[in-house]
Amino acid sequence: MPVFSLKPGYKGERMDRVENFGGNQIVYFGWDEHRMFCAAKAFPLPPSMPFAAVMEQIIPEAFGQHPEFSQINWETAEWLLDNEPFKPQLDVSLESQGVGHKSLIRFKTPELQGYNNAGV
């Protein structure tokens, strides 16, 4: 969605440029059909971080408080990277898997439909 200034000629500085994050990039994570979370969560992560570290550190921090989190079957989880099908490789860096600044990584858990089936 484009944003228009009310003042002609206004030029604002974009503060969310990758250069402003000290070597990190912002990566968003969302768990589809789990409405306990109103939006994807953002984390400043190094591009060199392997996906295994995301699974061990970031995903539990982002979604571990959900009552169904411990029931996730990661073998059947379906992943999207920037709205395209994605198969995370645990030992490969985010950057090498095409994860860039402000990328959105979403996952869906077919066996779980949200707390009390709220995602149905």
PDB file of N, CA and C in Angstrom:
ATOM      1  N   MET A   1       0.839  -1.165   0.000  1.00  0.00           N
ATOM      2  CA  MET A   1       0.000   0.000   0.000  1.00  0.00           C
ATOM      3  C   MET A   1       0.890   1.236   0.000  1.00  0.00           C
ATOM      4  N   PRO A   2       0.766   2.081  -1.003  1.00  0.00           N
ATOM      5  CA  PRO A   2       1.571   3.294  -1.030  1.00  0.00           C
ATOM      6  C   PRO A   2       1.098   4.273   0.043  1.00  0.00           C
ATOM      7  N   VAL A   3       2.033   5.069   0.520  1.00  0.00           N
ATOM      8  CA  VAL A   3       1.722   6.110   1.491  1.00  0.00           C
ATOM      9  C   VAL A   3       1.986   7.452   0.831  1.00  0.00           C
ATOM     10  N   PHE A   4       1.053   8.372   1.012  1.00  0.00           N
ATOM     11  CA  PHE A   4       1.187   9.686   0.406  1.00  0.00           C
ATOM     12  C   PHE A   4       1.316  10.744   1.489  1.00  0.00           C
ATOM     13  N   SER A   5       2.191  11.694   1.271  1.00  0.00           N
ATOM     14  CA  SER A   5       2.400  12.788   2.202  1.00  0.00           C
ATOM     15  C   SER A   5       1.338  13.853   1.991  1.00  0.00           C
ATOM     16  N   LEU A   6       0.947  14.498   3.074  1.00  0.00           N
ATOM     17  CA  LEU A   6       0.015  15.622   2.972  1.00  0.00           C
ATOM     18  C   LEU A   6       0.739  16.894   2.543  1.00  0.00           C
ATOM     19  N   LYS A   7       2.052  16.895   2.686  1.00  0.00           N
ATOM     20  CA  LYS A   7       2.852  18.060   2.319  1.00  0.00           C
ATOM     21  C   LYS A   7       3.616  17.743   1.033  1.00  0.00           C
ATOM     22  N   PRO A   8       3.379  18.478  -0.028  1.00  0.00           N
ATOM     23  CA  PRO A   8       4.097  18.222  -1.283  1.00  0.00           C
ATOM     24  C   PRO A   8       5.613  18.304  -1.088  1.00  0.00           C
ATOM     25  N   GLY A   9       6.324  17.356  -1.703  1.00  0.00           N
ATOM     26  CA  GLY A   9       7.770  17.354  -1.660  1.00  0.00           C
ATOM     27  C   GLY A   9       8.382  16.760  -0.406  1.00  0.00           C
ATOM     28  N   TYR A  10       7.563  16.255   0.514  1.00  0.00           N
ATOM     29  CA  TYR A  10       8.102  15.670   1.750  1.00  0.00           C
ATOM     30  C   TYR A  10       8.949  14.452   1.418  1.00  0.00           C
ATOM     31  N   LYS A  11      10.114  14.380   2.023  1.00  0.00           N
ATOM     32  CA  LYS A  11      11.007  13.233   1.847  1.00  0.00           C
ATOM     33  C   LYS A  11      11.442  12.796   3.237  1.00  0.00           C
ATOM     34  N   GLY A  12      10.923  11.665   3.696  1.00  0.00           N
ATOM     35  CA  GLY A  12      11.292  11.132   5.005  1.00  0.00           C
ATOM     36  C   GLY A  12      12.391  10.096   4.879  1.00  0.00           C
ATOM     37  N   GLU A  13      13.140   9.925   5.952  1.00  0.00           N
ATOM     38  CA  GLU A  13      14.195   8.922   5.964  1.00  0.00           C
ATOM     39  C   GLU A  13      13.606   7.595   6.424  1.00  0.00           C
ATOM     40  N   ARG A  14      13.870   6.526   5.682  1.00  0.00           N
ATOM     41  CA  ARG A  14      13.421   5.187   6.075  1.00  0.00           C
ATOM     42  C   ARG A  14      14.321   4.681   7.187  1.00  0.00           C
ATOM     43  N   MET A  15      13.753   4.489   8.363  1.00  0.00           N
ATOM     44  CA  MET A  15      14.540   4.064   9.512  1.00  0.00           C
ATOM     45  C   MET A  15      14.679   2.541   9.600  1.00  0.00           C
ATOM     46  N   ASP A  16      13.937   1.801   8.795  1.00  0.00           N
ATOM     47  CA  ASP A  16      14.006   0.339   8.867  1.00  0.00           C
ATOM     48  C   ASP A  16      14.918  -0.271   7.799  1.00  0.00           C
ATOM     49  N   ARG A  17      15.834   0.535   7.279  1.00  0.00           N
ATOM     50  CA  ARG A  17      16.799   0.008   6.306  1.00  0.00           C
ATOM     51  C   ARG A  17      17.719  -0.996   6.990  1.00  0.00           C
ATOM     52  N   VAL A  18      18.175  -1.989   6.271  1.00  0.00           N
ATOM     53  CA  VAL A  18      19.033  -3.026   6.823  1.00  0.00           C
ATOM     54  C   VAL A  18      20.313  -2.432   7.421  1.00  0.00           C
ATOM     55  N   GLU A  19      20.786  -1.333   6.876  1.00  0.00           N
ATOM     56  CA  GLU A  19      22.006  -0.696   7.378  1.00  0.00           C
ATOM     57  C   GLU A  19      21.864  -0.235   8.826  1.00  0.00           C
ATOM     58  N   ASN A  20      20.647  -0.073   9.294  1.00  0.00           N
ATOM     59  CA  ASN A  20      20.401   0.441  10.643  1.00  0.00           C
ATOM     60  C   ASN A  20      20.318  -0.649  11.709  1.00  0.00           C
ATOM     61  N   PHE A  21      20.623  -1.887  11.370  1.00  0.00           N
ATOM     62  CA  PHE A  21      20.445  -2.980  12.318  1.00  0.00           C
ATOM     63  C   PHE A  21      21.753  -3.673  12.700  1.00  0.00           C
ATOM     64  N   GLY A  22      22.859  -3.006  12.545  1.00  0.00           N
ATOM     65  CA  GLY A  22      24.141  -3.502  13.044  1.00  0.00           C
ATOM     66  C   GLY A  22      24.536  -4.884  12.547  1.00  0.00           C
ATOM     67  N   GLY A  23      24.326  -5.153  11.277  1.00  0.00           N
ATOM     68  CA  GLY A  23      24.696  -6.452  10.717  1.00  0.00           C
ATOM     69  C   GLY A  23      23.578  -7.473  10.750  1.00  0.00           C
ATOM     70  N   ASN A  24      22.507  -7.165  11.427  1.00  0.00           N
ATOM     71  CA  ASN A  24      21.341  -8.059  11.453  1.00  0.00           C
ATOM     72  C   ASN A  24      20.351  -7.653  10.374  1.00  0.00           C
ATOM     73  N   GLN A  25      19.380  -8.496  10.168  1.00  0.00           N
ATOM     74  CA  GLN A  25      18.252  -8.186   9.286  1.00  0.00           C
ATOM     75  C   GLN A  25      16.985  -8.536  10.043  1.00  0.00           C
ATOM     76  N   ILE A  26      15.915  -7.835   9.753  1.00  0.00           N
ATOM     77  CA  ILE A  26      14.634  -8.128  10.394  1.00  0.00           C
ATOM     78  C   ILE A  26      13.988  -9.299   9.653  1.00  0.00           C
ATOM     79  N   VAL A  27      13.575 -10.304  10.424  1.00  0.00           N
ATOM     80  CA  VAL A  27      12.863 -11.453   9.857  1.00  0.00           C
ATOM     81  C   VAL A  27      11.576 -11.619  10.668  1.00  0.00           C
ATOM     82  N   TYR A  28      10.468 -11.767   9.967  1.00  0.00           N
ATOM     83  CA  TYR A  28       9.153 -11.935  10.591  1.00  0.00           C
ATOM     84  C   TYR A  28       8.784 -13.419  10.589  1.00  0.00           C
ATOM     85  N   PHE A  29       8.111 -13.858  11.666  1.00  0.00           N
ATOM     86  CA  PHE A  29       7.661 -15.242  11.789  1.00  0.00           C
ATOM     87  C   PHE A  29       6.188 -15.262  12.158  1.00  0.00           C
ATOM     88  N   GLY A  30       5.423 -16.112  11.469  1.00  0.00           N
ATOM     89  CA  GLY A  30       4.002 -16.256  11.764  1.00  0.00           C
ATOM     90  C   GLY A  30       3.590 -17.716  11.776  1.00  0.00           C
ATOM     91  N   TRP A  31       2.647 -18.035  12.656  1.00  0.00           N
ATOM     92  CA  TRP A  31       2.083 -19.392  12.763  1.00  0.00           C
ATOM     93  C   TRP A  31       0.650 -19.314  12.274  1.00  0.00           C
ATOM     94  N   ASP A  32       0.415 -19.791  11.070  1.00  0.00           N
ATOM     95  CA  ASP A  32      -0.909 -19.699  10.451  1.00  0.00           C
ATOM     96  C   ASP A  32      -1.966 -20.431  11.269  1.00  0.00           C
ATOM     97  N   GLU A  33      -3.162 -19.862  11.258  1.00  0.00           N
ATOM     98  CA  GLU A  33      -4.355 -20.412  11.899  1.00  0.00           C
ATOM     99  C   GLU A  33      -4.264 -20.453  13.427  1.00  0.00           C
ATOM    100  N   HIS A  34      -3.355 -19.721  13.980  1.00  0.00           N
ATOM    101  CA  HIS A  34      -3.233 -19.656  15.436  1.00  0.00           C
ATOM    102  C   HIS A  34      -3.423 -18.207  15.862  1.00  0.00           C
ATOM    103  N   ARG A  35      -4.672 -17.882  16.087  1.00  0.00           N
ATOM    104  CA  ARG A  35      -5.106 -16.503  16.282  1.00  0.00           C
ATOM    105  C   ARG A  35      -4.758 -15.926  17.648  1.00  0.00           C
ATOM    106  N   MET A  36      -4.092 -16.702  18.468  1.00  0.00           N
ATOM    107  CA  MET A  36      -3.598 -16.143  19.718  1.00  0.00           C
ATOM    108  C   MET A  36      -2.554 -15.061  19.414  1.00  0.00           C
ATOM    109  N   PHE A  37      -1.994 -15.116  18.213  1.00  0.00           N
ATOM    110  CA  PHE A  37      -0.990 -14.156  17.768  1.00  0.00           C
ATOM    111  C   PHE A  37      -1.619 -13.314  16.658  1.00  0.00           C
ATOM    112  N   CYS A  38      -1.764 -12.028  16.901  1.00  0.00           N
ATOM    113  CA  CYS A  38      -2.491 -11.175  15.954  1.00  0.00           C
ATOM    114  C   CYS A  38      -1.676 -10.831  14.713  1.00  0.00           C
ATOM    115  N   ALA A  39      -0.361 -10.989  14.784  1.00  0.00           N
ATOM    116  CA  ALA A  39       0.495 -10.627  13.657  1.00  0.00           C
ATOM    117  C   ALA A  39       1.796 -11.411  13.756  1.00  0.00           C
ATOM    118  N   ALA A  40       2.520 -11.412  12.661  1.00  0.00           N
ATOM    119  CA  ALA A  40       3.846 -12.037  12.678  1.00  0.00           C
ATOM    120  C   ALA A  40       4.741 -11.280  13.648  1.00  0.00           C
ATOM    121  N   LYS A  41       5.697 -11.991  14.214  1.00  0.00           N
ATOM    122  CA  LYS A  41       6.629 -11.391  15.173  1.00  0.00           C
ATOM    123  C   LYS A  41       7.959 -11.125  14.483  1.00  0.00           C
ATOM    124  N   ALA A  42       8.571  -9.993  14.805  1.00  0.00           N
ATOM    125  CA  ALA A  42       9.814  -9.567  14.156  1.00  0.00           C
ATOM    126  C   ALA A  42      11.010  -9.804  15.069  1.00  0.00           C
ATOM    127  N   PHE A  43      12.102 -10.275  14.472  1.00  0.00           N
ATOM    128  CA  PHE A  43      13.349 -10.511  15.194  1.00  0.00           C
ATOM    129  C   PHE A  43      14.517  -9.994  14.371  1.00  0.00           C
ATOM    130  N   PRO A  44      15.480  -9.295  15.004  1.00  0.00           N
ATOM    131  CA  PRO A  44      16.705  -8.914  14.292  1.00  0.00           C
ATOM    132  C   PRO A  44      17.684 -10.081  14.357  1.00  0.00           C
ATOM    133  N   LEU A  45      17.969 -10.683  13.225  1.00  0.00           N
ATOM    134  CA  LEU A  45      18.791 -11.898  13.184  1.00  0.00           C
ATOM    135  C   LEU A  45      19.971 -11.722  12.233  1.00  0.00           C
ATOM    136  N   PRO A  46      21.097 -12.355  12.554  1.00  0.00           N
ATOM    137  CA  PRO A  46      22.218 -12.318  11.615  1.00  0.00           C
ATOM    138  C   PRO A  46      21.907 -13.171  10.382  1.00  0.00           C
ATOM    139  N   PRO A  47      22.237 -12.698   9.198  1.00  0.00           N
ATOM    140  CA  PRO A  47      21.993 -13.482   7.986  1.00  0.00           C
ATOM    141  C   PRO A  47      22.684 -14.842   8.013  1.00  0.00           C
ATOM    142  N   SER A  48      23.771 -14.963   8.785  1.00  0.00           N
ATOM    143  CA  SER A  48      24.532 -16.213   8.853  1.00  0.00           C
ATOM    144  C   SER A  48      23.915 -17.241   9.803  1.00  0.00           C
ATOM    145  N   MET A  49      22.858 -16.880  10.516  1.00  0.00           N
ATOM    146  CA  MET A  49      22.251 -17.804  11.480  1.00  0.00           C
ATOM    147  C   MET A  49      21.695 -19.032  10.759  1.00  0.00           C
ATOM    148  N   PRO A  50      22.083 -20.237  11.191  1.00  0.00           N
ATOM    149  CA  PRO A  50      21.503 -21.441  10.581  1.00  0.00           C
ATOM    150  C   PRO A  50      20.053 -21.622  11.036  1.00  0.00           C
ATOM    151  N   PHE A  51      19.277 -22.280  10.219  1.00  0.00           N
ATOM    152  CA  PHE A  51      17.862 -22.458  10.551  1.00  0.00           C
ATOM    153  C   PHE A  51      17.683 -23.301  11.806  1.00  0.00           C
ATOM    154  N   ALA A  52      18.638 -24.152  12.136  1.00  0.00           N
ATOM    155  CA  ALA A  52      18.567 -24.929  13.378  1.00  0.00           C
ATOM    156  C   ALA A  52      18.493 -23.996  14.580  1.00  0.00           C
ATOM    157  N   ALA A  53      19.247 -22.914  14.558  1.00  0.00           N
ATOM    158  CA  ALA A  53      19.205 -21.948  15.661  1.00  0.00           C
ATOM    159  C   ALA A  53      17.851 -21.245  15.717  1.00  0.00           C
ATOM    160  N   VAL A  54      17.259 -21.005  14.570  1.00  0.00           N
ATOM    161  CA  VAL A  54      15.900 -20.433  14.534  1.00  0.00           C
ATOM    162  C   VAL A  54      14.937 -21.378  15.236  1.00  0.00           C
ATOM    163  N   MET A  55      15.049 -22.661  14.930  1.00  0.00           N
ATOM    164  CA  MET A  55      14.145 -23.650  15.518  1.00  0.00           C
ATOM    165  C   MET A  55      14.372 -23.819  17.024  1.00  0.00           C
ATOM    166  N   GLU A  56      15.614 -23.691  17.455  1.00  0.00           N
ATOM    167  CA  GLU A  56      15.941 -23.891  18.873  1.00  0.00           C
ATOM    168  C   GLU A  56      15.702 -22.649  19.718  1.00  0.00           C
ATOM    169  N   GLN A  57      15.897 -21.462  19.138  1.00  0.00           N
ATOM    170  CA  GLN A  57      15.853 -20.223  19.924  1.00  0.00           C
ATOM    171  C   GLN A  57      14.677 -19.317  19.575  1.00  0.00           C
ATOM    172  N   ILE A  58      14.470 -19.054  18.317  1.00  0.00           N
ATOM    173  CA  ILE A  58      13.513 -18.025  17.899  1.00  0.00           C
ATOM    174  C   ILE A  58      12.067 -18.535  17.925  1.00  0.00           C
ATOM    175  N   ILE A  59      11.818 -19.671  17.306  1.00  0.00           N
ATOM    176  CA  ILE A  59      10.442 -20.193  17.247  1.00  0.00           C
ATOM    177  C   ILE A  59       9.873 -20.431  18.651  1.00  0.00           C
ATOM    178  N   PRO A  60      10.613 -21.070  19.576  1.00  0.00           N
ATOM    179  CA  PRO A  60      10.065 -21.230  20.931  1.00  0.00           C
ATOM    180  C   PRO A  60       9.834 -19.894  21.643  1.00  0.00           C
ATOM    181  N   GLU A  61      10.717 -18.938  21.430  1.00  0.00           N
ATOM    182  CA  GLU A  61      10.521 -17.627  22.055  1.00  0.00           C
ATOM    183  C   GLU A  61       9.274 -16.947  21.507  1.00  0.00           C
ATOM    184  N   ALA A  62       9.064 -17.075  20.210  1.00  0.00           N
ATOM    185  CA  ALA A  62       7.929 -16.409  19.566  1.00  0.00           C
ATOM    186  C   ALA A  62       6.594 -17.065  19.891  1.00  0.00           C
ATOM    187  N   PHE A  63       6.564 -18.397  19.962  1.00  0.00           N
ATOM    188  CA  PHE A  63       5.276 -19.096  20.026  1.00  0.00           C
ATOM    189  C   PHE A  63       5.145 -20.079  21.181  1.00  0.00           C
ATOM    190  N   GLY A  64       6.179 -20.220  21.992  1.00  0.00           N
ATOM    191  CA  GLY A  64       6.183 -21.211  23.062  1.00  0.00           C
ATOM    192  C   GLY A  64       5.087 -21.051  24.088  1.00  0.00           C
ATOM    193  N   GLN A  65       4.525 -19.859  24.253  1.00  0.00           N
ATOM    194  CA  GLN A  65       3.471 -19.665  25.240  1.00  0.00           C
ATOM    195  C   GLN A  65       2.108 -20.200  24.779  1.00  0.00           C
ATOM    196  N   HIS A  66       1.997 -20.587  23.512  1.00  0.00           N
ATOM    197  CA  HIS A  66       0.726 -21.129  23.009  1.00  0.00           C
ATOM    198  C   HIS A  66       0.491 -22.516  23.607  1.00  0.00           C
ATOM    199  N   PRO A  67      -0.734 -22.819  24.051  1.00  0.00           N
ATOM    200  CA  PRO A  67      -1.020 -24.126  24.662  1.00  0.00           C
ATOM    201  C   PRO A  67      -0.745 -25.323  23.745  1.00  0.00           C
ATOM    202  N   GLU A  68      -0.753 -25.123  22.433  1.00  0.00           N
ATOM    203  CA  GLU A  68      -0.518 -26.230  21.498  1.00  0.00           C
ATOM    204  C   GLU A  68       0.932 -26.349  21.045  1.00  0.00           C
ATOM    205  N   PHE A  69       1.793 -25.440  21.459  1.00  0.00           N
ATOM    206  CA  PHE A  69       3.160 -25.427  20.932  1.00  0.00           C
ATOM    207  C   PHE A  69       3.872 -26.763  21.124  1.00  0.00           C
ATOM    208  N   SER A  70       3.731 -27.366  22.281  1.00  0.00           N
ATOM    209  CA  SER A  70       4.433 -28.635  22.556  1.00  0.00           C
ATOM    210  C   SER A  70       3.895 -29.794  21.714  1.00  0.00           C
ATOM    211  N   GLN A  71       2.752 -29.607  21.071  1.00  0.00           N
ATOM    212  CA  GLN A  71       2.143 -30.666  20.259  1.00  0.00           C
ATOM    213  C   GLN A  71       2.521 -30.583  18.779  1.00  0.00           C
ATOM    214  N   ILE A  72       3.307 -29.596  18.411  1.00  0.00           N
ATOM    215  CA  ILE A  72       3.647 -29.430  16.994  1.00  0.00           C
ATOM    216  C   ILE A  72       4.456 -30.625  16.497  1.00  0.00           C
ATOM    217  N   ASN A  73       4.037 -31.157  15.365  1.00  0.00           N
ATOM    218  CA  ASN A  73       4.790 -32.189  14.660  1.00  0.00           C
ATOM    219  C   ASN A  73       5.580 -31.472  13.561  1.00  0.00           C
ATOM    220  N   TRP A  74       6.833 -31.188  13.816  1.00  0.00           N
ATOM    221  CA  TRP A  74       7.644 -30.419  12.875  1.00  0.00           C
ATOM    222  C   TRP A  74       7.883 -31.172  11.577  1.00  0.00           C
ATOM    223  N   GLU A  75       7.711 -32.490  11.589  1.00  0.00           N
ATOM    224  CA  GLU A  75       7.891 -33.276  10.352  1.00  0.00           C
ATOM    225  C   GLU A  75       6.795 -32.957   9.330  1.00  0.00           C
ATOM    226  N   THR A  76       5.614 -32.573   9.786  1.00  0.00           N
ATOM    227  CA  THR A  76       4.509 -32.295   8.868  1.00  0.00           C
ATOM    228  C   THR A  76       4.232 -30.804   8.702  1.00  0.00           C
ATOM    229  N   ALA A  77       4.994 -29.962   9.381  1.00  0.00           N
ATOM    230  CA  ALA A  77       4.787 -28.515   9.254  1.00  0.00           C
ATOM    231  C   ALA A  77       5.016 -28.085   7.807  1.00  0.00           C
ATOM    232  N   GLU A  78       4.168 -27.175   7.367  1.00  0.00           N
ATOM    233  CA  GLU A  78       4.268 -26.623   6.016  1.00  0.00           C
ATOM    234  C   GLU A  78       4.785 -25.193   6.145  1.00  0.00           C
ATOM    235  N   TRP A  79       5.781 -24.846   5.343  1.00  0.00           N
ATOM    236  CA  TRP A  79       6.461 -23.567   5.460  1.00  0.00           C
ATOM    237  C   TRP A  79       6.281 -22.706   4.216  1.00  0.00           C
ATOM    238  N   LEU A  80       6.244 -21.391   4.427  1.00  0.00           N
ATOM    239  CA  LEU A  80       6.253 -20.415   3.346  1.00  0.00           C
ATOM    240  C   LEU A  80       7.321 -19.373   3.657  1.00  0.00           C
ATOM    241  N   LEU A  81       8.052 -18.972   2.644  1.00  0.00           N
ATOM    242  CA  LEU A  81       9.001 -17.867   2.742  1.00  0.00           C
ATOM    243  C   LEU A  81       8.544 -16.810   1.752  1.00  0.00           C
ATOM    244  N   ASP A  82       8.145 -15.674   2.259  1.00  0.00           N
ATOM    245  CA  ASP A  82       7.638 -14.591   1.413  1.00  0.00           C
ATOM    246  C   ASP A  82       6.554 -15.097   0.466  1.00  0.00           C
ATOM    247  N   ASN A  83       5.632 -15.876   1.016  1.00  0.00           N
ATOM    248  CA  ASN A  83       4.458 -16.427   0.320  1.00  0.00           C
ATOM    249  C   ASN A  83       4.772 -17.468  -0.749  1.00  0.00           C
ATOM    250  N   GLU A  84       5.957 -18.026  -0.697  1.00  0.00           N
ATOM    251  CA  GLU A  84       6.328 -19.117  -1.614  1.00  0.00           C
ATOM    252  C   GLU A  84       6.653 -20.355  -0.788  1.00  0.00           C
ATOM    253  N   PRO A  85       6.320 -21.558  -1.289  1.00  0.00           N
ATOM    254  CA  PRO A  85       6.663 -22.778  -0.547  1.00  0.00           C
ATOM    255  C   PRO A  85       8.153 -22.811  -0.210  1.00  0.00           C
ATOM    256  N   PHE A  86       8.442 -23.318   0.978  1.00  0.00           N
ATOM    257  CA  PHE A  86       9.804 -23.258   1.519  1.00  0.00           C
ATOM    258  C   PHE A  86      10.065 -24.525   2.314  1.00  0.00           C
ATOM    259  N   LYS A  87      11.221 -25.111   2.123  1.00  0.00           N
ATOM    260  CA  LYS A  87      11.658 -26.280   2.882  1.00  0.00           C
ATOM    261  C   LYS A  87      12.920 -25.892   3.627  1.00  0.00           C
ATOM    262  N   PRO A  88      12.806 -25.510   4.904  1.00  0.00           N
ATOM    263  CA  PRO A  88      13.999 -25.076   5.641  1.00  0.00           C
ATOM    264  C   PRO A  88      15.048 -26.176   5.739  1.00  0.00           C
ATOM    265  N   GLN A  89      16.299 -25.780   5.556  1.00  0.00           N
ATOM    266  CA  GLN A  89      17.435 -26.676   5.737  1.00  0.00           C
ATOM    267  C   GLN A  89      18.116 -26.262   7.037  1.00  0.00           C
ATOM    268  N   LEU A  90      18.107 -27.142   8.027  1.00  0.00           N
ATOM    269  CA  LEU A  90      18.554 -26.795   9.369  1.00  0.00           C
ATOM    270  C   LEU A  90      19.994 -26.327   9.444  1.00  0.00           C
ATOM    271  N   ASP A  91      20.868 -26.911   8.650  1.00  0.00           N
ATOM    272  CA  ASP A  91      22.289 -26.578   8.748  1.00  0.00           C
ATOM    273  C   ASP A  91      22.729 -25.482   7.778  1.00  0.00           C
ATOM    274  N   VAL A  92      21.783 -24.805   7.143  1.00  0.00           N
ATOM    275  CA  VAL A  92      22.084 -23.771   6.153  1.00  0.00           C
ATOM    276  C   VAL A  92      21.663 -22.405   6.704  1.00  0.00           C
ATOM    277  N   SER A  93      22.442 -21.378   6.405  1.00  0.00           N
ATOM    278  CA  SER A  93      22.165 -20.029   6.908  1.00  0.00           C
ATOM    279  C   SER A  93      20.872 -19.467   6.318  1.00  0.00           C
ATOM    280  N   LEU A  94      20.305 -18.512   7.026  1.00  0.00           N
ATOM    281  CA  LEU A  94      19.109 -17.831   6.526  1.00  0.00           C
ATOM    282  C   LEU A  94      19.383 -17.213   5.162  1.00  0.00           C
ATOM    283  N   GLU A  95      20.486 -16.495   5.058  1.00  0.00           N
ATOM    284  CA  GLU A  95      20.846 -15.823   3.811  1.00  0.00           C
ATOM    285  C   GLU A  95      20.956 -16.805   2.647  1.00  0.00           C
ATOM    286  N   SER A  96      21.577 -17.954   2.882  1.00  0.00           N
ATOM    287  CA  SER A  96      21.762 -18.944   1.816  1.00  0.00           C
ATOM    288  C   SER A  96      20.455 -19.603   1.396  1.00  0.00           C
ATOM    289  N   GLN A  97      19.421 -19.464   2.222  1.00  0.00           N
ATOM    290  CA  GLN A  97      18.111 -20.025   1.881  1.00  0.00           C
ATOM    291  C   GLN A  97      17.164 -18.967   1.316  1.00  0.00           C
ATOM    292  N   GLY A  98      17.695 -17.778   1.060  1.00  0.00           N
ATOM    293  CA  GLY A  98      16.891 -16.729   0.443  1.00  0.00           C
ATOM    294  C   GLY A  98      16.133 -15.849   1.417  1.00  0.00           C
ATOM    295  N   VAL A  99      16.434 -15.965   2.703  1.00  0.00           N
ATOM    296  CA  VAL A  99      15.785 -15.119   3.702  1.00  0.00           C
ATOM    297  C   VAL A  99      16.515 -13.783   3.713  1.00  0.00           C
ATOM    298  N   GLY A 100      15.780 -12.724   3.421  1.00  0.00           N
ATOM    299  CA  GLY A 100      16.380 -11.402   3.369  1.00  0.00           C
ATOM    300  C   GLY A 100      15.797 -10.476   4.419  1.00  0.00           C
ATOM    301  N   HIS A 101      16.207  -9.218   4.363  1.00  0.00           N
ATOM    302  CA  HIS A 101      15.713  -8.204   5.286  1.00  0.00           C
ATOM    303  C   HIS A 101      14.212  -8.024   5.078  1.00  0.00           C
ATOM    304  N   LYS A 102      13.476  -8.152   6.148  1.00  0.00           N
ATOM    305  CA  LYS A 102      12.015  -8.036   6.199  1.00  0.00           C
ATOM    306  C   LYS A 102      11.298  -9.197   5.512  1.00  0.00           C
ATOM    307  N   SER A 103      11.968 -10.351   5.402  1.00  0.00           N
ATOM    308  CA  SER A 103      11.299 -11.552   4.897  1.00  0.00           C
ATOM    309  C   SER A 103      10.285 -12.027   5.931  1.00  0.00           C
ATOM    310  N   LEU A 104       9.248 -12.694   5.435  1.00  0.00           N
ATOM    311  CA  LEU A 104       8.223 -13.283   6.281  1.00  0.00           C
ATOM    312  C   LEU A 104       8.274 -14.798   6.123  1.00  0.00           C
ATOM    313  N   ILE A 105       8.522 -15.482   7.248  1.00  0.00           N
ATOM    314  CA  ILE A 105       8.515 -16.950   7.278  1.00  0.00           C
ATOM    315  C   ILE A 105       7.264 -17.364   8.045  1.00  0.00           C
ATOM    316  N   ARG A 106       6.407 -18.140   7.385  1.00  0.00           N
ATOM    317  CA  ARG A 106       5.177 -18.628   8.015  1.00  0.00           C
ATOM    318  C   ARG A 106       5.198 -20.138   8.033  1.00  0.00           C
ATOM    319  N   PHE A 107       4.566 -20.708   9.049  1.00  0.00           N
ATOM    320  CA  PHE A 107       4.401 -22.154   9.066  1.00  0.00           C
ATOM    321  C   PHE A 107       2.972 -22.495   9.457  1.00  0.00           C
ATOM    322  N   LYS A 108       2.550 -23.637   8.970  1.00  0.00           N
ATOM    323  CA  LYS A 108       1.215 -24.155   9.251  1.00  0.00           C
ATOM    324  C   LYS A 108       1.382 -25.562   9.804  1.00  0.00           C
ATOM    325  N   THR A 109       0.587 -25.888  10.802  1.00  0.00           N
ATOM    326  CA  THR A 109       0.636 -27.199  11.429  1.00  0.00           C
ATOM    327  C   THR A 109      -0.689 -27.905  11.128  1.00  0.00           C
ATOM    328  N   PRO A 110      -0.719 -28.782  10.125  1.00  0.00           N
ATOM    329  CA  PRO A 110      -1.975 -29.384   9.679  1.00  0.00           C
ATOM    330  C   PRO A 110      -2.766 -30.103  10.780  1.00  0.00           C
ATOM    331  N   GLU A 111      -2.068 -30.676  11.754  1.00  0.00           N
ATOM    332  CA  GLU A 111      -2.763 -31.413  12.811  1.00  0.00           C
ATOM    333  C   GLU A 111      -3.369 -30.498  13.865  1.00  0.00           C
ATOM    334  N   LEU A 112      -2.957 -29.240  13.897  1.00  0.00           N
ATOM    335  CA  LEU A 112      -3.408 -28.302  14.934  1.00  0.00           C
ATOM    336  C   LEU A 112      -4.160 -27.153  14.271  1.00  0.00           C
ATOM    337  N   GLN A 113      -5.326 -26.865  14.762  1.00  0.00           N
ATOM    338  CA  GLN A 113      -6.171 -25.829  14.185  1.00  0.00           C
ATOM    339  C   GLN A 113      -6.343 -24.619  15.095  1.00  0.00           C
ATOM    340  N   GLY A 114      -5.416 -24.390  15.980  1.00  0.00           N
ATOM    341  CA  GLY A 114      -5.541 -23.269  16.906  1.00  0.00           C
ATOM    342  C   GLY A 114      -6.225 -23.700  18.176  1.00  0.00           C
ATOM    343  N   TYR A 115      -6.013 -22.970  19.239  1.00  0.00           N
ATOM    344  CA  TYR A 115      -6.574 -23.299  20.540  1.00  0.00           C
ATOM    345  C   TYR A 115      -8.092 -23.401  20.435  1.00  0.00           C
ATOM    346  N   ASN A 116      -8.641 -24.541  20.881  1.00  0.00           N
ATOM    347  CA  ASN A 116     -10.078 -24.822  20.789  1.00  0.00           C
ATOM    348  C   ASN A 116     -10.595 -24.662  19.352  1.00  0.00           C
ATOM    349  N   ASN A 117      -9.765 -25.031  18.385  1.00  0.00           N
ATOM    350  CA  ASN A 117     -10.095 -24.959  16.961  1.00  0.00           C
ATOM    351  C   ASN A 117     -10.428 -23.552  16.479  1.00  0.00           C
ATOM    352  N   ALA A 118      -9.817 -22.548  17.086  1.00  0.00           N
ATOM    353  CA  ALA A 118     -10.083 -21.158  16.717  1.00  0.00           C
ATOM    354  C   ALA A 118      -9.645 -20.832  15.293  1.00  0.00           C
ATOM    355  N   GLY A 119      -8.753 -21.612  14.716  1.00  0.00           N
ATOM    356  CA  GLY A 119      -8.270 -21.331  13.374  1.00  0.00           C
ATOM    357  C   GLY A 119      -9.120 -21.918  12.260  1.00  0.00           C
ATOM    358  N   VAL A 120     -10.124 -22.682  12.625  1.00  0.00           N
ATOM    359  CA  VAL A 120     -10.972 -23.329  11.617  1.00  0.00           C
ATOM    360  C   VAL A 120     -11.910 -22.332  10.993  1.00  0.00           C
TER     361      VAL A 120
END
